[in-house]
Amino acid sequence: MDRSVAGIILAGGQSSRMGGGDKPLLALGKARLIDHVAARLEPQVGTLALNANGDPERFAGTDLPVLADTVSGYAGPLAGILTGLEWAATNTACRSLVSAAGDTPFFPGDLVERLAAAARERPGAIAVASSDGRLHPTFALWPLGLGDALRHFLVDEDNRRVSVFMERHGFVRVEFPMIEAEGRRIDPFFNINTPDDLAEARRLLQSLQP
């Protein structure tokens, strides 16, 4: 656990390819998708919150604070990251924020440790997870001091592109190994977008259980 890092789970997506509704509340094994994500991230951070809009009671079973976007309109994952940055800066003694997508149940157990180590080598930079050469911008460590710049980017510039913001402020790539399961290599940042993805996650969960 790194007590200097706060965590935010991004669960505000519209789930259009799943037919709408709250994708993180779908069943995966004996728990919900959001429960798997929270159980994986919570031991890695000093404090944890969930970003989602609408009635927060639907996430009551997580026992996490539920934070609605602090900018109006659906502004995508950057809105959730901004919400997390502003919450952590106001309510915690943490120095940085790690973001994680609420539809990605198998991300690494050393995510925060390795992102934080890379950030110490590049002070002020955003540390971003990568696997098999592919960046995963929703899995990143963000300095809390970026809050004002991100609000300006979203509100004043009306720009929602995560990659553009990262490039502007500087980032360091942190490569994570693939998962070996079922005789093949699985991306640890495999996320669930479609019913077929959910079925695949259920099979993978069974194969990864001891």
N, C-alpha and C. Protein backbone atom coordinates (compact mmCIF):
# COMPACT_ATOMS: atom_id res chain seq x y z
N MET A 1 0.84 -1.20 0.00
CA MET A 1 0.00 0.00 0.00
C MET A 1 0.88 1.25 0.00
N ASP A 2 0.51 2.20 -0.84
CA ASP A 2 1.19 3.49 -0.88
C ASP A 2 0.22 4.55 -0.37
N ARG A 3 0.43 5.00 0.87
CA ARG A 3 -0.51 5.94 1.48
C ARG A 3 -0.42 7.34 0.87
N SER A 4 0.60 7.59 0.06
CA SER A 4 0.70 8.90 -0.59
C SER A 4 -0.13 8.97 -1.87
N VAL A 5 -0.74 7.85 -2.25
CA VAL A 5 -1.52 7.77 -3.49
C VAL A 5 -2.99 7.52 -3.17
N ALA A 6 -3.85 8.36 -3.72
CA ALA A 6 -5.29 8.13 -3.68
C ALA A 6 -5.70 7.41 -4.96
N GLY A 7 -6.82 6.70 -4.89
CA GLY A 7 -7.29 5.97 -6.07
C GLY A 7 -8.69 6.40 -6.48
N ILE A 8 -8.93 6.39 -7.78
CA ILE A 8 -10.27 6.65 -8.31
C ILE A 8 -10.62 5.57 -9.32
N ILE A 9 -11.77 4.93 -9.15
CA ILE A 9 -12.27 3.96 -10.11
C ILE A 9 -13.23 4.69 -11.04
N LEU A 10 -12.96 4.63 -12.32
CA LEU A 10 -13.78 5.32 -13.32
C LEU A 10 -14.93 4.42 -13.75
N ALA A 11 -16.12 4.75 -13.29
CA ALA A 11 -17.30 3.92 -13.56
C ALA A 11 -18.41 4.74 -14.18
N GLY A 12 -18.05 5.82 -14.89
CA GLY A 12 -19.07 6.70 -15.43
C GLY A 12 -19.36 6.51 -16.89
N GLY A 13 -18.85 5.43 -17.50
CA GLY A 13 -19.09 5.20 -18.92
C GLY A 13 -20.55 4.91 -19.23
N GLN A 14 -20.93 5.10 -20.49
CA GLN A 14 -22.32 4.94 -20.89
C GLN A 14 -22.67 3.50 -21.30
N SER A 15 -21.66 2.62 -21.44
CA SER A 15 -21.88 1.20 -21.70
C SER A 15 -22.76 0.95 -22.92
N SER A 16 -22.56 1.72 -23.97
CA SER A 16 -23.42 1.61 -25.14
C SER A 16 -23.31 0.25 -25.82
N ARG A 17 -22.12 -0.34 -25.81
CA ARG A 17 -21.95 -1.64 -26.48
C ARG A 17 -22.47 -2.79 -25.64
N MET A 18 -22.81 -2.51 -24.38
CA MET A 18 -23.44 -3.53 -23.54
C MET A 18 -24.94 -3.31 -23.46
N GLY A 19 -25.46 -2.36 -24.24
CA GLY A 19 -26.88 -2.08 -24.23
C GLY A 19 -27.30 -1.07 -23.19
N GLY A 20 -26.32 -0.32 -22.66
CA GLY A 20 -26.61 0.69 -21.65
C GLY A 20 -26.59 0.11 -20.25
N GLY A 21 -26.96 0.92 -19.27
CA GLY A 21 -26.94 0.48 -17.88
C GLY A 21 -25.56 0.62 -17.27
N ASP A 22 -25.39 0.07 -16.09
CA ASP A 22 -24.13 0.16 -15.35
C ASP A 22 -23.31 -1.09 -15.57
N LYS A 23 -22.37 -1.01 -16.47
CA LYS A 23 -21.51 -2.16 -16.76
C LYS A 23 -20.78 -2.67 -15.50
N PRO A 24 -20.25 -1.78 -14.63
CA PRO A 24 -19.53 -2.28 -13.45
C PRO A 24 -20.38 -3.10 -12.49
N LEU A 25 -21.71 -3.05 -12.62
CA LEU A 25 -22.57 -3.82 -11.73
C LEU A 25 -22.90 -5.21 -12.26
N LEU A 26 -22.38 -5.55 -13.43
CA LEU A 26 -22.60 -6.89 -13.99
C LEU A 26 -21.90 -7.95 -13.15
N ALA A 27 -22.49 -9.14 -13.13
CA ALA A 27 -21.92 -10.23 -12.34
C ALA A 27 -20.70 -10.82 -13.03
N LEU A 28 -19.66 -11.04 -12.23
CA LEU A 28 -18.46 -11.74 -12.69
C LEU A 28 -18.08 -12.72 -11.60
N GLY A 29 -18.36 -13.99 -11.83
CA GLY A 29 -18.18 -14.98 -10.78
C GLY A 29 -19.19 -14.74 -9.67
N LYS A 30 -18.71 -14.75 -8.42
CA LYS A 30 -19.60 -14.58 -7.26
C LYS A 30 -19.74 -13.12 -6.84
N ALA A 31 -19.15 -12.21 -7.60
CA ALA A 31 -19.20 -10.80 -7.25
C ALA A 31 -19.54 -9.99 -8.49
N ARG A 32 -19.61 -8.68 -8.31
CA ARG A 32 -19.83 -7.78 -9.44
C ARG A 32 -18.49 -7.32 -9.99
N LEU A 33 -18.52 -6.86 -11.21
CA LEU A 33 -17.30 -6.38 -11.84
C LEU A 33 -16.65 -5.29 -10.98
N ILE A 34 -17.43 -4.35 -10.47
CA ILE A 34 -16.88 -3.27 -9.66
C ILE A 34 -16.22 -3.79 -8.39
N ASP A 35 -16.75 -4.89 -7.84
CA ASP A 35 -16.17 -5.47 -6.63
C ASP A 35 -14.78 -6.03 -6.90
N HIS A 36 -14.61 -6.66 -8.07
CA HIS A 36 -13.29 -7.17 -8.44
C HIS A 36 -12.28 -6.04 -8.59
N VAL A 37 -12.71 -4.96 -9.24
CA VAL A 37 -11.81 -3.83 -9.45
C VAL A 37 -11.44 -3.18 -8.12
N ALA A 38 -12.42 -2.96 -7.26
CA ALA A 38 -12.15 -2.35 -5.96
C ALA A 38 -11.25 -3.23 -5.10
N ALA A 39 -11.50 -4.53 -5.10
CA ALA A 39 -10.68 -5.45 -4.29
C ALA A 39 -9.23 -5.47 -4.77
N ARG A 40 -9.02 -5.24 -6.05
CA ARG A 40 -7.66 -5.25 -6.59
C ARG A 40 -6.94 -3.93 -6.32
N LEU A 41 -7.68 -2.81 -6.36
CA LEU A 41 -7.04 -1.51 -6.20
C LEU A 41 -6.92 -1.06 -4.74
N GLU A 42 -7.91 -1.37 -3.93
CA GLU A 42 -7.93 -0.83 -2.57
C GLU A 42 -6.68 -1.15 -1.76
N PRO A 43 -6.12 -2.37 -1.83
CA PRO A 43 -4.91 -2.64 -1.04
C PRO A 43 -3.67 -1.89 -1.53
N GLN A 44 -3.76 -1.27 -2.70
CA GLN A 44 -2.59 -0.61 -3.28
C GLN A 44 -2.52 0.87 -2.96
N VAL A 45 -3.61 1.47 -2.43
CA VAL A 45 -3.67 2.92 -2.26
C VAL A 45 -4.01 3.29 -0.82
N GLY A 46 -3.80 4.57 -0.50
CA GLY A 46 -4.12 5.04 0.84
C GLY A 46 -5.60 5.26 1.06
N THR A 47 -6.31 5.67 0.02
CA THR A 47 -7.75 5.90 0.09
C THR A 47 -8.32 5.74 -1.32
N LEU A 48 -9.60 5.39 -1.40
CA LEU A 48 -10.18 5.02 -2.69
C LEU A 48 -11.59 5.58 -2.81
N ALA A 49 -11.93 6.06 -3.99
CA ALA A 49 -13.29 6.54 -4.29
C ALA A 49 -13.72 6.04 -5.65
N LEU A 50 -14.99 6.19 -5.93
CA LEU A 50 -15.59 5.72 -7.17
C LEU A 50 -16.20 6.91 -7.90
N ASN A 51 -15.91 7.06 -9.17
CA ASN A 51 -16.50 8.13 -9.98
C ASN A 51 -17.66 7.58 -10.80
N ALA A 52 -18.85 8.09 -10.55
CA ALA A 52 -20.04 7.70 -11.32
C ALA A 52 -21.09 8.78 -11.15
N ASN A 53 -21.88 8.99 -12.19
CA ASN A 53 -22.96 9.97 -12.15
C ASN A 53 -24.29 9.27 -11.86
N GLY A 54 -25.30 10.02 -11.53
CA GLY A 54 -26.60 9.44 -11.23
C GLY A 54 -26.72 9.07 -9.76
N ASP A 55 -27.68 8.23 -9.46
CA ASP A 55 -27.98 7.85 -8.07
C ASP A 55 -26.81 7.06 -7.48
N PRO A 56 -26.13 7.58 -6.45
CA PRO A 56 -25.00 6.85 -5.88
C PRO A 56 -25.39 5.60 -5.12
N GLU A 57 -26.66 5.46 -4.76
CA GLU A 57 -27.09 4.33 -3.96
C GLU A 57 -26.90 2.99 -4.68
N ARG A 58 -26.87 3.02 -6.00
CA ARG A 58 -26.72 1.75 -6.72
C ARG A 58 -25.33 1.14 -6.50
N PHE A 59 -24.39 1.93 -5.99
CA PHE A 59 -23.05 1.43 -5.68
C PHE A 59 -22.84 1.26 -4.19
N ALA A 60 -23.92 1.26 -3.42
CA ALA A 60 -23.80 1.25 -1.96
C ALA A 60 -23.01 0.05 -1.45
N GLY A 61 -23.11 -1.07 -2.12
CA GLY A 61 -22.43 -2.27 -1.65
C GLY A 61 -20.92 -2.20 -1.68
N THR A 62 -20.35 -1.20 -2.34
CA THR A 62 -18.89 -1.09 -2.40
C THR A 62 -18.30 -0.43 -1.17
N ASP A 63 -19.13 0.29 -0.40
CA ASP A 63 -18.67 1.04 0.77
C ASP A 63 -17.63 2.09 0.40
N LEU A 64 -17.68 2.59 -0.82
CA LEU A 64 -16.77 3.64 -1.27
C LEU A 64 -17.54 4.94 -1.47
N PRO A 65 -16.88 6.09 -1.25
CA PRO A 65 -17.53 7.35 -1.63
C PRO A 65 -17.75 7.39 -3.13
N VAL A 66 -18.92 7.83 -3.55
CA VAL A 66 -19.25 7.91 -4.98
C VAL A 66 -19.25 9.38 -5.37
N LEU A 67 -18.39 9.73 -6.32
CA LEU A 67 -18.18 11.12 -6.71
C LEU A 67 -18.72 11.35 -8.11
N ALA A 68 -19.65 12.28 -8.25
CA ALA A 68 -20.16 12.66 -9.58
C ALA A 68 -19.17 13.61 -10.24
N ASP A 69 -19.17 13.64 -11.56
CA ASP A 69 -18.29 14.54 -12.31
C ASP A 69 -18.44 15.97 -11.82
N THR A 70 -17.34 16.67 -11.71
CA THR A 70 -17.37 18.07 -11.28
C THR A 70 -17.45 19.02 -12.47
N VAL A 71 -17.52 18.48 -13.68
CA VAL A 71 -17.79 19.30 -14.87
C VAL A 71 -19.08 18.81 -15.49
N SER A 72 -19.83 19.70 -16.12
CA SER A 72 -21.13 19.34 -16.66
C SER A 72 -20.99 18.62 -18.00
N GLY A 73 -22.02 17.84 -18.34
CA GLY A 73 -22.01 17.09 -19.59
C GLY A 73 -21.15 15.84 -19.44
N TYR A 74 -21.33 14.91 -20.36
CA TYR A 74 -20.52 13.69 -20.32
C TYR A 74 -19.20 13.98 -21.02
N ALA A 75 -18.15 14.17 -20.23
CA ALA A 75 -16.84 14.57 -20.78
C ALA A 75 -15.84 13.42 -20.80
N GLY A 76 -16.31 12.18 -20.60
CA GLY A 76 -15.44 11.02 -20.72
C GLY A 76 -14.53 10.81 -19.53
N PRO A 77 -13.52 9.96 -19.68
CA PRO A 77 -12.68 9.59 -18.53
C PRO A 77 -11.93 10.75 -17.91
N LEU A 78 -11.56 11.77 -18.70
CA LEU A 78 -10.85 12.90 -18.11
C LEU A 78 -11.69 13.62 -17.05
N ALA A 79 -13.01 13.63 -17.23
CA ALA A 79 -13.88 14.25 -16.23
C ALA A 79 -13.79 13.49 -14.91
N GLY A 80 -13.75 12.17 -14.99
CA GLY A 80 -13.60 11.37 -13.77
C GLY A 80 -12.25 11.56 -13.12
N ILE A 81 -11.22 11.69 -13.94
CA ILE A 81 -9.87 11.92 -13.40
C ILE A 81 -9.80 13.29 -12.72
N LEU A 82 -10.38 14.31 -13.36
CA LEU A 82 -10.43 15.64 -12.74
C LEU A 82 -11.18 15.58 -11.41
N THR A 83 -12.30 14.89 -11.39
CA THR A 83 -13.08 14.74 -10.16
C THR A 83 -12.23 14.11 -9.08
N GLY A 84 -11.48 13.07 -9.43
CA GLY A 84 -10.61 12.42 -8.46
C GLY A 84 -9.49 13.32 -7.98
N LEU A 85 -8.89 14.07 -8.88
CA LEU A 85 -7.81 14.99 -8.50
C LEU A 85 -8.31 16.04 -7.52
N GLU A 86 -9.48 16.62 -7.81
CA GLU A 86 -10.01 17.67 -6.94
C GLU A 86 -10.44 17.10 -5.60
N TRP A 87 -11.01 15.91 -5.60
CA TRP A 87 -11.40 15.26 -4.34
C TRP A 87 -10.17 14.96 -3.49
N ALA A 88 -9.14 14.38 -4.10
CA ALA A 88 -7.95 14.00 -3.35
C ALA A 88 -7.22 15.23 -2.81
N ALA A 89 -7.17 16.30 -3.61
CA ALA A 89 -6.48 17.51 -3.16
C ALA A 89 -7.19 18.15 -1.98
N THR A 90 -8.51 18.03 -1.93
CA THR A 90 -9.31 18.69 -0.89
C THR A 90 -9.49 17.83 0.35
N ASN A 91 -9.56 16.51 0.16
CA ASN A 91 -9.99 15.62 1.25
C ASN A 91 -8.94 14.66 1.75
N THR A 92 -7.76 14.64 1.16
CA THR A 92 -6.74 13.70 1.58
C THR A 92 -5.39 14.40 1.71
N ALA A 93 -4.43 13.69 2.28
CA ALA A 93 -3.06 14.19 2.35
C ALA A 93 -2.19 13.57 1.27
N CYS A 94 -2.82 12.95 0.29
CA CYS A 94 -2.09 12.27 -0.78
C CYS A 94 -1.43 13.28 -1.72
N ARG A 95 -0.42 12.81 -2.43
CA ARG A 95 0.33 13.66 -3.37
C ARG A 95 0.01 13.34 -4.82
N SER A 96 -0.62 12.19 -5.05
CA SER A 96 -0.94 11.82 -6.42
C SER A 96 -2.18 10.94 -6.43
N LEU A 97 -2.70 10.73 -7.63
CA LEU A 97 -3.93 9.96 -7.82
C LEU A 97 -3.69 8.89 -8.87
N VAL A 98 -4.09 7.66 -8.58
CA VAL A 98 -4.07 6.63 -9.60
C VAL A 98 -5.49 6.39 -10.08
N SER A 99 -5.65 6.31 -11.39
CA SER A 99 -6.96 6.03 -11.97
C SER A 99 -7.00 4.61 -12.50
N ALA A 100 -8.17 3.99 -12.42
CA ALA A 100 -8.37 2.64 -12.93
C ALA A 100 -9.76 2.53 -13.52
N ALA A 101 -9.89 1.85 -14.64
CA ALA A 101 -11.19 1.69 -15.28
C ALA A 101 -12.03 0.66 -14.54
N GLY A 102 -13.33 0.94 -14.42
CA GLY A 102 -14.22 0.06 -13.68
C GLY A 102 -14.66 -1.17 -14.43
N ASP A 103 -14.15 -1.38 -15.65
CA ASP A 103 -14.52 -2.55 -16.44
C ASP A 103 -13.33 -3.44 -16.75
N THR A 104 -12.27 -3.33 -15.93
CA THR A 104 -11.01 -4.03 -16.20
C THR A 104 -10.60 -4.80 -14.95
N PRO A 105 -11.04 -6.05 -14.81
CA PRO A 105 -10.91 -6.74 -13.52
C PRO A 105 -9.58 -7.44 -13.26
N PHE A 106 -8.67 -7.51 -14.24
CA PHE A 106 -7.47 -8.32 -14.06
C PHE A 106 -6.18 -7.50 -14.06
N PHE A 107 -6.28 -6.19 -13.83
CA PHE A 107 -5.09 -5.35 -13.89
C PHE A 107 -4.10 -5.75 -12.77
N PRO A 108 -2.83 -5.39 -12.92
CA PRO A 108 -1.80 -5.93 -12.03
C PRO A 108 -1.93 -5.49 -10.57
N GLY A 109 -1.55 -6.40 -9.69
CA GLY A 109 -1.56 -6.12 -8.27
C GLY A 109 -0.43 -5.19 -7.84
N ASP A 110 0.55 -4.98 -8.71
CA ASP A 110 1.62 -4.04 -8.41
C ASP A 110 1.52 -2.78 -9.27
N LEU A 111 0.31 -2.47 -9.74
CA LEU A 111 0.09 -1.32 -10.61
C LEU A 111 0.62 -0.03 -9.96
N VAL A 112 0.16 0.27 -8.76
CA VAL A 112 0.52 1.53 -8.10
C VAL A 112 2.00 1.56 -7.77
N GLU A 113 2.52 0.48 -7.26
CA GLU A 113 3.94 0.42 -6.90
C GLU A 113 4.84 0.77 -8.09
N ARG A 114 4.55 0.19 -9.24
CA ARG A 114 5.40 0.41 -10.40
C ARG A 114 5.17 1.77 -11.04
N LEU A 115 3.93 2.24 -11.07
CA LEU A 115 3.67 3.58 -11.59
C LEU A 115 4.33 4.64 -10.71
N ALA A 116 4.24 4.46 -9.39
CA ALA A 116 4.83 5.43 -8.47
C ALA A 116 6.35 5.45 -8.60
N ALA A 117 6.96 4.29 -8.79
CA ALA A 117 8.41 4.23 -8.96
C ALA A 117 8.83 4.99 -10.22
N ALA A 118 8.08 4.83 -11.29
CA ALA A 118 8.40 5.54 -12.54
C ALA A 118 8.21 7.05 -12.37
N ALA A 119 7.17 7.44 -11.63
CA ALA A 119 6.90 8.87 -11.41
C ALA A 119 8.01 9.52 -10.59
N ARG A 120 8.60 8.77 -9.67
CA ARG A 120 9.71 9.32 -8.88
C ARG A 120 10.92 9.60 -9.75
N GLU A 121 11.08 8.84 -10.81
CA GLU A 121 12.19 9.06 -11.74
C GLU A 121 11.94 10.25 -12.65
N ARG A 122 10.67 10.59 -12.84
CA ARG A 122 10.29 11.73 -13.70
C ARG A 122 9.31 12.62 -12.95
N PRO A 123 9.79 13.41 -11.97
CA PRO A 123 8.88 14.24 -11.17
C PRO A 123 8.03 15.15 -12.05
N GLY A 124 6.74 15.17 -11.74
CA GLY A 124 5.80 16.00 -12.48
C GLY A 124 5.17 15.33 -13.68
N ALA A 125 5.74 14.19 -14.11
CA ALA A 125 5.20 13.49 -15.27
C ALA A 125 4.05 12.58 -14.86
N ILE A 126 3.17 12.29 -15.80
CA ILE A 126 2.11 11.30 -15.62
C ILE A 126 2.70 9.93 -15.94
N ALA A 127 2.56 8.98 -15.05
CA ALA A 127 3.04 7.61 -15.29
C ALA A 127 1.87 6.79 -15.82
N VAL A 128 2.04 6.21 -17.01
CA VAL A 128 0.94 5.55 -17.71
C VAL A 128 1.27 4.07 -17.94
N ALA A 129 0.29 3.21 -17.66
CA ALA A 129 0.48 1.78 -17.87
C ALA A 129 0.46 1.44 -19.35
N SER A 130 1.22 0.41 -19.69
CA SER A 130 1.29 -0.09 -21.06
C SER A 130 1.44 -1.60 -21.00
N SER A 131 0.91 -2.28 -22.01
CA SER A 131 1.12 -3.73 -22.12
C SER A 131 1.24 -4.08 -23.60
N ASP A 132 2.21 -4.92 -23.88
CA ASP A 132 2.44 -5.33 -25.27
C ASP A 132 2.59 -4.11 -26.18
N GLY A 133 3.20 -3.04 -25.66
CA GLY A 133 3.44 -1.85 -26.45
C GLY A 133 2.27 -0.90 -26.58
N ARG A 134 1.14 -1.21 -25.94
CA ARG A 134 -0.07 -0.39 -26.08
C ARG A 134 -0.34 0.38 -24.80
N LEU A 135 -0.48 1.70 -24.90
CA LEU A 135 -0.78 2.52 -23.74
C LEU A 135 -2.21 2.31 -23.26
N HIS A 136 -2.39 2.41 -21.94
CA HIS A 136 -3.72 2.32 -21.32
C HIS A 136 -3.93 3.59 -20.48
N PRO A 137 -4.36 4.68 -21.11
CA PRO A 137 -4.39 5.98 -20.44
C PRO A 137 -5.29 6.07 -19.21
N THR A 138 -6.29 5.20 -19.09
CA THR A 138 -7.13 5.26 -17.90
C THR A 138 -6.46 4.60 -16.70
N PHE A 139 -5.33 3.95 -16.91
CA PHE A 139 -4.54 3.39 -15.82
C PHE A 139 -3.25 4.21 -15.71
N ALA A 140 -3.30 5.22 -14.87
CA ALA A 140 -2.18 6.15 -14.80
C ALA A 140 -2.09 6.77 -13.42
N LEU A 141 -0.91 7.28 -13.11
CA LEU A 141 -0.66 8.00 -11.87
C LEU A 141 -0.51 9.48 -12.21
N TRP A 142 -1.36 10.31 -11.59
CA TRP A 142 -1.48 11.73 -11.92
C TRP A 142 -1.03 12.57 -10.74
N PRO A 143 -0.08 13.50 -10.91
CA PRO A 143 0.24 14.44 -9.83
C PRO A 143 -0.98 15.30 -9.51
N LEU A 144 -1.24 15.52 -8.22
CA LEU A 144 -2.43 16.29 -7.85
C LEU A 144 -2.36 17.73 -8.37
N GLY A 145 -1.15 18.22 -8.60
CA GLY A 145 -1.00 19.58 -9.09
C GLY A 145 -1.53 19.82 -10.49
N LEU A 146 -1.94 18.75 -11.17
CA LEU A 146 -2.45 18.90 -12.54
C LEU A 146 -3.94 19.29 -12.59
N GLY A 147 -4.57 19.38 -11.42
CA GLY A 147 -6.02 19.62 -11.41
C GLY A 147 -6.44 20.88 -12.15
N ASP A 148 -5.78 21.99 -11.89
CA ASP A 148 -6.17 23.25 -12.53
C ASP A 148 -5.97 23.18 -14.05
N ALA A 149 -4.84 22.60 -14.48
CA ALA A 149 -4.56 22.50 -15.92
C ALA A 149 -5.58 21.59 -16.60
N LEU A 150 -5.99 20.52 -15.93
CA LEU A 150 -6.96 19.61 -16.53
C LEU A 150 -8.33 20.27 -16.60
N ARG A 151 -8.71 21.04 -15.58
CA ARG A 151 -10.00 21.74 -15.64
C ARG A 151 -10.00 22.74 -16.81
N HIS A 152 -8.91 23.46 -16.99
CA HIS A 152 -8.82 24.40 -18.11
C HIS A 152 -8.94 23.66 -19.44
N PHE A 153 -8.27 22.51 -19.55
CA PHE A 153 -8.28 21.70 -20.77
C PHE A 153 -9.69 21.25 -21.11
N LEU A 154 -10.43 20.79 -20.09
CA LEU A 154 -11.78 20.28 -20.31
C LEU A 154 -12.81 21.37 -20.51
N VAL A 155 -12.75 22.41 -19.70
CA VAL A 155 -13.81 23.42 -19.69
C VAL A 155 -13.52 24.54 -20.69
N ASP A 156 -12.33 25.12 -20.60
CA ASP A 156 -12.03 26.28 -21.43
C ASP A 156 -11.66 25.89 -22.86
N GLU A 157 -10.92 24.80 -23.01
CA GLU A 157 -10.53 24.35 -24.35
C GLU A 157 -11.53 23.36 -24.94
N ASP A 158 -12.43 22.84 -24.09
CA ASP A 158 -13.41 21.84 -24.53
C ASP A 158 -12.75 20.67 -25.25
N ASN A 159 -11.67 20.19 -24.67
CA ASN A 159 -10.90 19.08 -25.25
C ASN A 159 -11.01 17.88 -24.31
N ARG A 160 -11.36 16.74 -24.84
CA ARG A 160 -11.57 15.54 -24.01
C ARG A 160 -10.58 14.43 -24.32
N ARG A 161 -9.58 14.69 -25.11
CA ARG A 161 -8.66 13.65 -25.55
C ARG A 161 -7.57 13.42 -24.51
N VAL A 162 -7.62 12.23 -23.91
CA VAL A 162 -6.66 11.91 -22.86
C VAL A 162 -5.23 11.97 -23.39
N SER A 163 -5.00 11.42 -24.58
CA SER A 163 -3.64 11.36 -25.13
C SER A 163 -3.06 12.76 -25.35
N VAL A 164 -3.90 13.71 -25.77
CA VAL A 164 -3.42 15.07 -26.00
C VAL A 164 -2.98 15.71 -24.68
N PHE A 165 -3.78 15.53 -23.64
CA PHE A 165 -3.42 16.10 -22.34
C PHE A 165 -2.14 15.48 -21.82
N MET A 166 -1.99 14.17 -21.96
CA MET A 166 -0.79 13.50 -21.48
C MET A 166 0.46 13.98 -22.22
N GLU A 167 0.34 14.11 -23.51
CA GLU A 167 1.48 14.56 -24.30
C GLU A 167 1.87 15.99 -23.95
N ARG A 168 0.88 16.82 -23.69
CA ARG A 168 1.16 18.22 -23.35
C ARG A 168 1.91 18.34 -22.04
N HIS A 169 1.57 17.53 -21.07
CA HIS A 169 2.15 17.67 -19.74
C HIS A 169 3.28 16.68 -19.47
N GLY A 170 3.53 15.78 -20.38
CA GLY A 170 4.64 14.85 -20.23
C GLY A 170 4.23 13.58 -19.52
N PHE A 171 4.61 12.45 -20.08
CA PHE A 171 4.27 11.18 -19.44
C PHE A 171 5.42 10.19 -19.61
N VAL A 172 5.43 9.22 -18.73
CA VAL A 172 6.39 8.13 -18.81
C VAL A 172 5.61 6.82 -18.93
N ARG A 173 6.03 5.98 -19.85
CA ARG A 173 5.37 4.70 -20.10
C ARG A 173 5.92 3.64 -19.15
N VAL A 174 5.02 2.85 -18.54
CA VAL A 174 5.42 1.76 -17.66
C VAL A 174 4.86 0.47 -18.23
N GLU A 175 5.74 -0.40 -18.67
CA GLU A 175 5.32 -1.63 -19.35
C GLU A 175 5.03 -2.73 -18.34
N PHE A 176 3.88 -3.39 -18.49
CA PHE A 176 3.48 -4.50 -17.64
C PHE A 176 3.41 -5.78 -18.47
N PRO A 177 3.80 -6.93 -17.89
CA PRO A 177 3.80 -8.18 -18.65
C PRO A 177 2.40 -8.70 -18.91
N MET A 178 2.28 -9.45 -19.96
CA MET A 178 1.03 -10.12 -20.27
C MET A 178 0.79 -11.26 -19.27
N ILE A 179 -0.47 -11.66 -19.12
CA ILE A 179 -0.85 -12.79 -18.26
C ILE A 179 -0.79 -14.07 -19.08
N GLU A 180 -0.17 -15.10 -18.52
CA GLU A 180 -0.17 -16.41 -19.16
C GLU A 180 -1.34 -17.23 -18.60
N ALA A 181 -2.31 -17.54 -19.44
CA ALA A 181 -3.49 -18.29 -18.99
C ALA A 181 -4.07 -19.06 -20.17
N GLU A 182 -4.54 -20.25 -19.90
CA GLU A 182 -5.17 -21.09 -20.92
C GLU A 182 -4.26 -21.30 -22.12
N GLY A 183 -2.95 -21.33 -21.87
CA GLY A 183 -2.00 -21.57 -22.95
C GLY A 183 -1.83 -20.40 -23.90
N ARG A 184 -2.24 -19.21 -23.48
CA ARG A 184 -2.11 -18.03 -24.33
C ARG A 184 -1.80 -16.81 -23.48
N ARG A 185 -1.43 -15.72 -24.14
CA ARG A 185 -1.08 -14.49 -23.47
C ARG A 185 -2.30 -13.57 -23.43
N ILE A 186 -2.66 -13.12 -22.23
CA ILE A 186 -3.83 -12.28 -22.02
C ILE A 186 -3.36 -10.91 -21.56
N ASP A 187 -3.95 -9.88 -22.12
CA ASP A 187 -3.63 -8.52 -21.71
C ASP A 187 -4.17 -8.29 -20.29
N PRO A 188 -3.32 -7.89 -19.32
CA PRO A 188 -3.84 -7.66 -17.97
C PRO A 188 -4.83 -6.49 -17.91
N PHE A 189 -4.83 -5.66 -18.95
CA PHE A 189 -5.75 -4.53 -19.01
C PHE A 189 -6.93 -4.81 -19.94
N PHE A 190 -7.20 -6.09 -20.14
CA PHE A 190 -8.37 -6.51 -20.91
C PHE A 190 -9.62 -5.93 -20.26
N ASN A 191 -10.39 -5.19 -21.05
CA ASN A 191 -11.60 -4.57 -20.49
C ASN A 191 -12.85 -5.11 -21.17
N ILE A 192 -13.94 -5.00 -20.46
CA ILE A 192 -15.20 -5.61 -20.88
C ILE A 192 -16.07 -4.56 -21.53
N ASN A 193 -16.26 -4.68 -22.84
CA ASN A 193 -17.08 -3.74 -23.59
C ASN A 193 -18.35 -4.35 -24.15
N THR A 194 -18.33 -5.66 -24.42
CA THR A 194 -19.43 -6.34 -25.10
C THR A 194 -19.83 -7.59 -24.33
N PRO A 195 -20.99 -8.16 -24.62
CA PRO A 195 -21.36 -9.43 -23.99
C PRO A 195 -20.32 -10.54 -24.22
N ASP A 196 -19.70 -10.56 -25.40
CA ASP A 196 -18.66 -11.56 -25.65
C ASP A 196 -17.46 -11.35 -24.73
N ASP A 197 -17.11 -10.08 -24.48
CA ASP A 197 -16.01 -9.79 -23.55
C ASP A 197 -16.35 -10.28 -22.15
N LEU A 198 -17.59 -10.11 -21.74
CA LEU A 198 -18.00 -10.55 -20.41
C LEU A 198 -17.89 -12.07 -20.30
N ALA A 199 -18.32 -12.77 -21.33
CA ALA A 199 -18.21 -14.23 -21.34
C ALA A 199 -16.74 -14.65 -21.27
N GLU A 200 -15.88 -13.95 -21.99
CA GLU A 200 -14.45 -14.24 -21.96
C GLU A 200 -13.87 -13.98 -20.56
N ALA A 201 -14.31 -12.90 -19.91
CA ALA A 201 -13.83 -12.59 -18.57
C ALA A 201 -14.25 -13.67 -17.58
N ARG A 202 -15.44 -14.20 -17.74
CA ARG A 202 -15.90 -15.26 -16.84
C ARG A 202 -15.08 -16.52 -17.00
N ARG A 203 -14.74 -16.85 -18.25
CA ARG A 203 -13.86 -18.01 -18.48
C ARG A 203 -12.47 -17.77 -17.90
N LEU A 204 -11.96 -16.57 -18.10
CA LEU A 204 -10.63 -16.25 -17.62
C LEU A 204 -10.57 -16.25 -16.10
N LEU A 205 -11.61 -15.76 -15.47
CA LEU A 205 -11.67 -15.75 -14.00
C LEU A 205 -11.54 -17.17 -13.46
N GLN A 206 -12.24 -18.10 -14.08
CA GLN A 206 -12.17 -19.50 -13.62
C GLN A 206 -10.79 -20.08 -13.79
N SER A 207 -10.12 -19.75 -14.89
CA SER A 207 -8.79 -20.31 -15.15
C SER A 207 -7.73 -19.70 -14.25
N LEU A 208 -7.95 -18.47 -13.75
CA LEU A 208 -6.96 -17.80 -12.92
C LEU A 208 -7.14 -18.11 -11.43
N GLN A 209 -8.29 -18.66 -11.07
CA GLN A 209 -8.52 -18.98 -9.67
C GLN A 209 -7.70 -20.20 -9.25
N PRO A 210 -7.09 -20.15 -8.04
CA PRO A 210 -6.28 -21.29 -7.60
C PRO A 210 -7.11 -22.54 -7.36
